[in-house]
């Protein structure tokens, strides 16, 4: 039997998450939380019914929430919404596309989403509220802290460490063992061969 779930955020990332949720067959999407100006609209046929100030009362009617706000430059909004759901007693389940490959020896934290055709290898640990986006590769023994977005087709090689709030752009490559500090932005297509922080761009990536 499918469980009900509410989506928090009705923008572009919401479209992708809806597709993943539908493909799992595990949840029944009952509505979307978004900006007050969007109430009455819909995303892929699912209605925008509430604004985020209503999250505490919504947790009384539905236990499951998915944070469907995207994250590019900053994790602040996704982090805030996740914390508000948790503070109100809601649950953010792990959602994994059936086309993704996640090792039985990997660990996924609450609220993390693994999108279509992503790969998470053995002994990788991904903490809470992360996005492992379409086609991304997370290799063995990687450590990813909470509220991180690894974007489409990015590659994080073995034993790399990524701290909280970081964004890894599309097609970026992280060398094995590198350490990326919190709230770092790695530009699309960049190749990171040394530990870094701030804004990292280029091949090899440099802090700009």
Protein backbone atom coordinates (compact mmCIF):
# COMPACT_ATOMS: atom_id res chain seq x y z
CA UNK A 1 0.00 0.00 0.00
CA UNK A 2 1.34 3.42 -0.99
CA UNK A 3 1.89 6.03 1.70
CA UNK A 4 0.87 9.66 1.31
CA UNK A 5 3.58 12.28 0.81
CA UNK A 6 3.64 16.08 0.53
CA UNK A 7 6.18 17.88 -1.65
CA UNK A 8 7.79 21.08 -0.38
CA UNK A 9 8.75 23.30 -3.31
CA UNK A 10 7.09 23.56 -6.71
CA UNK A 11 9.93 24.71 -8.97
CA UNK A 12 12.03 22.95 -11.58
CA UNK A 13 13.55 20.33 -9.27
CA UNK A 14 10.05 19.34 -8.19
CA UNK A 15 9.35 18.05 -11.71
CA UNK A 16 12.30 15.65 -11.54
CA UNK A 17 11.41 14.45 -8.05
CA UNK A 18 7.81 13.78 -9.06
CA UNK A 19 9.06 11.55 -11.86
CA UNK A 20 11.28 9.61 -9.47
CA UNK A 21 8.54 9.25 -6.85
CA UNK A 22 6.06 8.03 -9.45
CA UNK A 23 8.58 5.51 -10.73
CA UNK A 24 9.06 3.99 -7.26
CA UNK A 25 5.36 3.30 -6.80
CA UNK A 26 5.81 3.78 -3.04
CA UNK A 27 4.04 7.08 -2.44
CA UNK A 28 0.82 8.91 -3.25
CA UNK A 29 1.54 12.63 -3.77
CA UNK A 30 -1.35 14.51 -2.15
CA UNK A 31 -0.18 18.05 -2.83
CA UNK A 32 2.59 20.62 -2.94
CA UNK A 33 3.74 23.37 -0.58
CA UNK A 34 5.02 26.49 -2.36
CA UNK A 35 4.84 30.29 -2.40
CA UNK A 36 1.40 31.79 -1.60
CA UNK A 37 1.21 33.27 -5.11
CA UNK A 38 1.31 29.78 -6.65
CA UNK A 39 -1.57 28.25 -4.68
CA UNK A 40 -4.14 26.93 -7.11
CA UNK A 41 -1.54 26.11 -9.75
CA UNK A 42 -0.23 22.61 -10.42
CA UNK A 43 3.02 20.82 -11.22
CA UNK A 44 2.70 17.82 -13.55
CA UNK A 45 -0.92 17.55 -12.50
CA UNK A 46 -0.33 17.76 -8.73
CA UNK A 47 -1.96 20.77 -7.03
CA UNK A 48 -0.16 23.47 -5.08
CA UNK A 49 -2.37 23.59 -1.99
CA UNK A 50 -0.38 25.14 0.84
CA UNK A 51 2.34 27.63 1.78
CA UNK A 52 5.31 26.83 4.00
CA UNK A 53 3.84 28.53 7.08
CA UNK A 54 1.33 25.65 7.14
CA UNK A 55 3.99 22.92 7.52
CA UNK A 56 3.35 22.39 11.28
CA UNK A 57 -0.36 21.73 10.75
CA UNK A 58 0.32 19.55 7.68
CA UNK A 59 2.44 17.15 9.74
CA UNK A 60 -0.75 16.26 11.62
CA UNK A 61 -2.39 14.92 8.45
CA UNK A 62 0.62 13.46 6.63
CA UNK A 63 3.88 12.17 8.10
CA UNK A 64 5.94 12.05 4.89
CA UNK A 65 7.51 15.06 3.19
CA UNK A 66 9.97 15.45 0.33
CA UNK A 67 12.00 18.65 0.04
CA UNK A 68 11.65 19.41 -3.67
CA UNK A 69 13.33 22.83 -3.68
CA UNK A 70 16.46 22.70 -5.79
CA UNK A 71 19.94 23.77 -4.72
CA UNK A 72 22.54 25.45 -6.91
CA UNK A 73 24.49 28.21 -5.18
CA UNK A 74 23.14 27.90 -1.67
CA UNK A 75 21.70 25.19 0.54
CA UNK A 76 20.06 27.68 2.93
CA UNK A 77 16.46 27.27 1.73
CA UNK A 78 16.56 23.46 1.44
CA UNK A 79 18.18 23.23 4.86
CA UNK A 80 15.62 25.56 6.43
CA UNK A 81 12.64 23.68 4.98
CA UNK A 82 14.06 20.31 6.01
CA UNK A 83 14.63 21.55 9.56
CA UNK A 84 11.13 23.01 9.73
CA UNK A 85 9.56 19.71 8.69
CA UNK A 86 11.63 17.83 11.25
CA UNK A 87 10.89 20.33 14.03
CA UNK A 88 7.16 19.90 13.36
CA UNK A 89 7.45 16.11 13.67
CA UNK A 90 7.43 15.23 9.98
CA UNK A 91 9.48 12.52 8.30
CA UNK A 92 11.58 12.89 5.14
CA UNK A 93 12.04 9.41 3.68
CA UNK A 94 14.98 8.36 1.53
CA UNK A 95 13.83 8.24 -2.09
CA UNK A 96 15.79 6.20 -4.64
CA UNK A 97 14.94 5.85 -8.30
CA UNK A 98 14.50 2.23 -9.42
CA UNK A 99 16.97 2.99 -12.23
CA UNK A 100 19.67 4.06 -9.73
CA UNK A 101 22.20 1.61 -8.30
CA UNK A 102 22.86 1.93 -4.57
CA UNK A 103 25.13 -0.60 -2.88
CA UNK A 104 23.65 -2.51 0.04
CA UNK A 105 26.83 -1.46 1.86
CA UNK A 106 26.16 2.27 1.37
CA UNK A 107 24.41 4.50 3.93
CA UNK A 108 21.81 7.11 2.93
CA UNK A 109 20.60 9.67 5.47
CA UNK A 110 17.03 10.86 5.96
CA UNK A 111 15.61 12.96 3.15
CA UNK A 112 18.33 12.09 0.64
CA UNK A 113 17.21 11.58 -2.94
CA UNK A 114 19.04 9.45 -5.50
CA UNK A 115 17.78 10.29 -8.95
CA UNK A 116 17.56 8.29 -12.18
CA UNK A 117 20.66 6.30 -13.21
CA UNK A 118 22.82 7.57 -10.36
CA UNK A 119 25.33 5.19 -8.76
CA UNK A 120 26.36 4.95 -5.09
CA UNK A 121 29.12 2.43 -4.42
CA UNK A 122 30.02 0.30 -1.40
CA UNK A 123 30.91 1.94 1.92
CA UNK A 124 29.82 5.39 0.72
CA UNK A 125 28.01 7.45 3.36
CA UNK A 126 25.64 10.24 2.40
CA UNK A 127 24.02 12.16 5.23
CA UNK A 128 20.68 14.00 5.43
CA UNK A 129 18.75 15.95 2.80
CA UNK A 130 21.21 15.46 -0.08
CA UNK A 131 20.50 15.35 -3.81
CA UNK A 132 22.43 12.78 -5.86
CA UNK A 133 21.19 13.91 -9.22
CA UNK A 134 20.69 12.16 -12.54
CA UNK A 135 23.66 10.07 -13.62
CA UNK A 136 25.94 11.13 -10.77
CA UNK A 137 28.56 8.64 -9.52
CA UNK A 138 29.49 8.38 -5.84
CA UNK A 139 32.37 5.96 -5.49
CA UNK A 140 33.47 3.69 -2.63
CA UNK A 141 34.10 5.16 0.83
CA UNK A 142 33.02 8.68 -0.12
CA UNK A 143 31.73 10.80 2.78
CA UNK A 144 29.09 13.41 1.98
CA UNK A 145 27.71 15.59 4.77
CA UNK A 146 24.13 16.88 4.98
CA UNK A 147 22.46 19.31 2.55
CA UNK A 148 24.82 18.63 -0.38
CA UNK A 149 23.79 18.59 -4.04
CA UNK A 150 25.88 16.45 -6.40
CA UNK A 151 24.55 17.51 -9.77
CA UNK A 152 23.98 15.65 -13.02
CA UNK A 153 26.77 13.37 -14.28
CA UNK A 154 29.24 14.55 -11.63
CA UNK A 155 31.81 12.00 -10.43
CA UNK A 156 33.02 11.83 -6.83
CA UNK A 157 35.88 9.36 -6.67
CA UNK A 158 36.84 7.01 -3.87
CA UNK A 159 37.23 8.27 -0.29
CA UNK A 160 36.59 11.91 -1.22
CA UNK A 161 34.97 14.00 1.51
CA UNK A 162 32.38 16.72 0.92
CA UNK A 163 31.23 18.87 3.82
CA UNK A 164 27.81 20.34 4.55
CA UNK A 165 25.96 22.65 2.16
CA UNK A 166 28.24 22.16 -0.86
CA UNK A 167 27.16 22.19 -4.50
CA UNK A 168 28.99 20.03 -7.07
CA UNK A 169 28.14 21.20 -10.60
CA UNK A 170 27.16 19.08 -13.58
CA UNK A 171 29.97 16.98 -15.02
CA UNK A 172 32.47 17.95 -12.33
CA UNK A 173 35.07 15.37 -11.30
CA UNK A 174 36.55 15.07 -7.82
CA UNK A 175 39.81 13.15 -7.52
CA UNK A 176 39.98 10.31 -5.03
CA UNK A 177 40.61 11.41 -1.47
CA UNK A 178 40.08 15.16 -1.92
CA UNK A 179 38.38 17.14 0.84
CA UNK A 180 35.85 19.84 -0.03
CA UNK A 181 34.97 22.34 2.70
CA UNK A 182 31.43 23.34 3.71
CA UNK A 183 29.32 25.59 1.48
CA UNK A 184 31.74 25.24 -1.43
CA UNK A 185 30.60 25.64 -5.04
CA UNK A 186 32.33 23.46 -7.64
CA UNK A 187 31.60 24.74 -11.12
CA UNK A 188 30.17 22.59 -13.88
CA UNK A 189 32.84 20.55 -15.67
CA UNK A 190 35.55 21.42 -13.16
CA UNK A 191 38.22 18.88 -12.20
CA UNK A 192 39.17 19.04 -8.53
CA UNK A 193 42.53 17.44 -7.78
CA UNK A 194 43.34 19.20 -4.50
CA UNK A 195 41.46 19.99 -1.30
CA UNK A 196 39.38 23.15 -1.72
CA UNK A 197 36.79 25.63 -0.56
CA UNK A 198 34.96 28.74 -1.76
CA UNK A 199 34.21 28.72 -5.50
CA UNK A 200 36.25 26.17 -7.47
CA UNK A 201 36.33 26.43 -11.26
CA UNK A 202 38.43 25.01 -14.08
CA UNK A 203 40.68 22.07 -14.94
CA UNK A 204 42.47 21.80 -12.64
CA UNK A 205 40.01 23.67 -10.45
CA UNK A 206 41.17 26.87 -8.76
CA UNK A 207 39.52 29.04 -6.13
CA UNK A 208 38.15 32.19 -7.77
